[in-house]
N, C-alpha and C. Protein backbone atom coordinates (compact mmCIF):
# COMPACT_ATOMS: atom_id res chain seq x y z
N MET A 1 -3.01 6.22 -4.58
CA MET A 1 -3.96 5.90 -4.30
C MET A 1 -3.82 5.23 -2.69
N LYS A 2 -4.10 6.07 -1.72
CA LYS A 2 -4.09 5.82 -0.12
C LYS A 2 -5.08 5.11 0.61
N VAL A 3 -4.63 3.52 1.15
CA VAL A 3 -5.47 2.55 1.75
C VAL A 3 -5.14 2.46 2.93
N LYS A 4 -6.27 1.58 4.03
CA LYS A 4 -5.85 1.46 5.19
C LYS A 4 -5.51 0.11 5.24
N ASP A 5 -6.01 -0.57 4.39
CA ASP A 5 -5.12 -2.17 4.62
C ASP A 5 -4.46 -2.28 3.17
N PHE A 6 -2.88 -1.99 3.61
CA PHE A 6 -2.27 -2.09 2.52
C PHE A 6 -1.78 -4.08 1.99
N ALA A 7 -1.57 -4.27 2.41
CA ALA A 7 -1.51 -6.11 2.10
C ALA A 7 -2.92 -6.17 1.96
N GLY A 8 -3.93 -6.34 2.37
CA GLY A 8 -5.46 -6.74 1.76
C GLY A 8 -6.08 -6.05 0.30
N THR A 9 -5.25 -4.79 0.31
CA THR A 9 -5.81 -4.38 -0.63
C THR A 9 -5.01 -5.03 -2.08
N LEU A 10 -3.81 -5.43 -1.97
CA LEU A 10 -2.61 -5.86 -2.80
C LEU A 10 -3.19 -7.03 -3.22
N LYS A 11 -3.65 -7.62 -2.01
CA LYS A 11 -4.07 -9.11 -2.62
C LYS A 11 -5.15 -9.29 -3.16
N ARG A 12 -6.61 -7.89 -3.12
CA ARG A 12 -7.62 -7.78 -3.67
C ARG A 12 -7.37 -7.44 -5.34
N LEU A 13 -6.15 -6.71 -5.18
CA LEU A 13 -5.70 -6.21 -6.94
C LEU A 13 -5.04 -7.55 -7.43
N GLY A 14 -4.19 -7.96 -6.72
CA GLY A 14 -3.60 -9.63 -7.75
C GLY A 14 -4.57 -10.65 -8.13
N ASP A 15 -5.86 -10.80 -7.08
CA ASP A 15 -6.45 -11.58 -7.28
C ASP A 15 -7.88 -11.50 -8.48
N ALA A 16 -7.78 -10.11 -8.56
CA ALA A 16 -8.64 -9.39 -9.88
C ALA A 16 -7.71 -9.50 -10.91
N GLY A 17 -6.49 -9.99 -11.38
CA GLY A 17 -5.74 -9.67 -12.53
C GLY A 17 -4.82 -8.70 -12.13
N TYR A 18 -4.28 -7.94 -11.33
CA TYR A 18 -3.90 -6.97 -11.51
C TYR A 18 -2.73 -6.85 -9.96
N PRO A 19 -1.71 -7.80 -10.55
CA PRO A 19 -0.48 -8.24 -10.00
C PRO A 19 0.17 -6.63 -9.29
N VAL A 20 0.65 -6.87 -8.29
CA VAL A 20 1.92 -6.02 -7.89
C VAL A 20 3.45 -5.75 -9.04
N GLU A 21 3.67 -4.87 -10.01
CA GLU A 21 4.51 -4.88 -10.83
C GLU A 21 5.94 -4.53 -10.09
N ILE A 22 5.81 -3.04 -9.13
CA ILE A 22 7.06 -2.60 -8.30
C ILE A 22 6.85 -2.80 -6.77
N GLY A 23 7.26 -3.25 -6.02
CA GLY A 23 7.11 -3.32 -4.81
C GLY A 23 7.10 -4.94 -4.37
N PRO A 24 6.39 -4.61 -3.17
CA PRO A 24 5.83 -3.18 -2.22
C PRO A 24 7.28 -3.22 -1.20
N VAL A 25 7.68 -1.76 -1.18
CA VAL A 25 8.39 -1.07 -0.66
C VAL A 25 8.08 -0.83 0.53
N HIS A 26 8.81 -0.88 1.83
CA HIS A 26 8.25 -0.29 3.19
C HIS A 26 9.63 0.55 3.26
N GLU A 27 9.33 1.59 3.75
CA GLU A 27 10.58 3.17 4.19
C GLU A 27 9.67 3.50 5.37
N GLY A 28 10.43 3.30 6.55
CA GLY A 28 10.01 3.93 7.71
C GLY A 28 8.55 3.57 7.80
N LYS A 29 7.38 4.61 7.75
CA LYS A 29 6.26 4.45 8.00
C LYS A 29 4.98 4.28 6.60
N TRP A 30 6.25 4.43 5.79
CA TRP A 30 5.43 4.28 4.24
C TRP A 30 5.37 2.71 3.19
N HIS A 31 4.28 2.39 3.52
CA HIS A 31 4.01 0.98 2.32
C HIS A 31 3.89 1.53 1.10
N VAL A 32 4.57 1.08 0.10
CA VAL A 32 4.25 1.50 -1.43
C VAL A 32 4.38 0.48 -2.21
N ALA A 33 3.14 0.37 -3.46
CA ALA A 33 3.89 -0.52 -4.54
C ALA A 33 3.06 0.12 -5.70
N PHE A 34 3.41 -0.58 -6.99
CA PHE A 34 2.94 0.02 -8.15
C PHE A 34 1.98 -1.05 -9.16
N VAL A 35 1.07 -0.62 -9.31
CA VAL A 35 0.36 -1.70 -9.97
C VAL A 35 -0.02 -1.71 -11.29
N MET A 36 -0.20 -2.24 -12.31
CA MET A 36 -0.48 -1.48 -13.82
C MET A 36 -1.65 -2.11 -13.86
N GLY A 37 -2.63 -0.82 -14.13
CA GLY A 37 -4.09 -0.95 -14.02
C GLY A 37 -4.63 -1.01 -15.34
N CYS A 38 -5.79 -0.60 -15.95
CA CYS A 38 -6.27 -0.68 -17.28
C CYS A 38 -5.97 0.39 -18.14
N GLU A 39 -5.74 0.01 -19.07
CA GLU A 39 -4.92 0.53 -20.41
C GLU A 39 -3.49 1.29 -20.07
N GLY A 40 -2.89 0.55 -19.42
CA GLY A 40 -1.80 0.53 -19.05
C GLY A 40 -1.59 1.65 -17.78
N ILE A 41 -2.09 2.48 -17.44
CA ILE A 41 -2.12 3.20 -16.71
C ILE A 41 -1.67 2.81 -14.94
N TRP A 42 -0.28 3.51 -14.64
CA TRP A 42 0.01 3.11 -13.58
C TRP A 42 -0.66 3.73 -12.14
N LEU A 43 -0.85 2.45 -11.26
CA LEU A 43 -1.82 2.83 -9.91
C LEU A 43 -0.49 2.85 -8.83
N ASP A 44 -0.65 3.71 -8.25
CA ASP A 44 0.57 3.49 -6.63
C ASP A 44 -0.47 3.50 -5.68
N ILE A 45 -0.28 2.40 -4.89
CA ILE A 45 -0.81 1.95 -3.66
C ILE A 45 0.01 2.42 -2.56
N TYR A 46 -0.24 3.17 -1.67
CA TYR A 46 0.25 3.35 -0.62
C TYR A 46 -0.50 3.71 1.17
N SER A 47 0.27 3.30 1.95
CA SER A 47 -0.59 3.20 3.48
C SER A 47 0.29 3.99 4.23
N VAL A 48 0.03 4.79 5.17
CA VAL A 48 1.12 5.27 5.89
C VAL A 48 1.04 5.14 7.52
N ASP A 49 1.98 4.12 8.28
CA ASP A 49 1.51 3.72 9.54
C ASP A 49 0.75 5.21 10.40
N GLU A 50 -0.25 5.13 11.30
CA GLU A 50 -0.33 6.08 11.81
C GLU A 50 0.60 6.01 13.55
N ASP A 51 1.01 7.44 13.96
CA ASP A 51 1.60 7.57 15.08
C ASP A 51 0.04 6.98 16.19
N ALA A 52 0.33 6.43 16.86
CA ALA A 52 -0.07 5.93 18.37
C ALA A 52 -0.29 7.09 19.26
N GLY A 53 0.42 8.54 19.24
CA GLY A 53 0.07 9.51 19.93
C GLY A 53 1.13 9.22 20.79
N PRO A 54 1.49 10.23 21.89
CA PRO A 54 2.15 10.43 23.02
C PRO A 54 2.08 9.34 24.26
N GLN A 55 3.22 8.66 24.44
CA GLN A 55 3.05 7.67 25.40
C GLN A 55 3.02 8.20 26.72
N LYS A 56 2.23 7.92 27.56
CA LYS A 56 1.83 7.94 28.91
C LYS A 56 2.85 7.41 29.56
N ALA A 57 3.61 8.26 30.91
CA ALA A 57 4.81 7.64 31.60
C ALA A 57 3.72 6.91 32.78
N ALA A 58 4.64 5.31 33.18
CA ALA A 58 3.87 4.62 33.89
C ALA A 58 4.01 5.15 35.42
């Protein structure tokens, strides 16, 4: 599941009784963690950093 607020989402899930089981892993622009959801279903929580776009010369 792609989220905008990676750290905030993991905190809210943990507070609701669904702690991170694997991760979080930060690889390049990717942030990924796995949470055990209801009935043993694994949820992959991820976020991808957005490019700021081309830099203008000063």
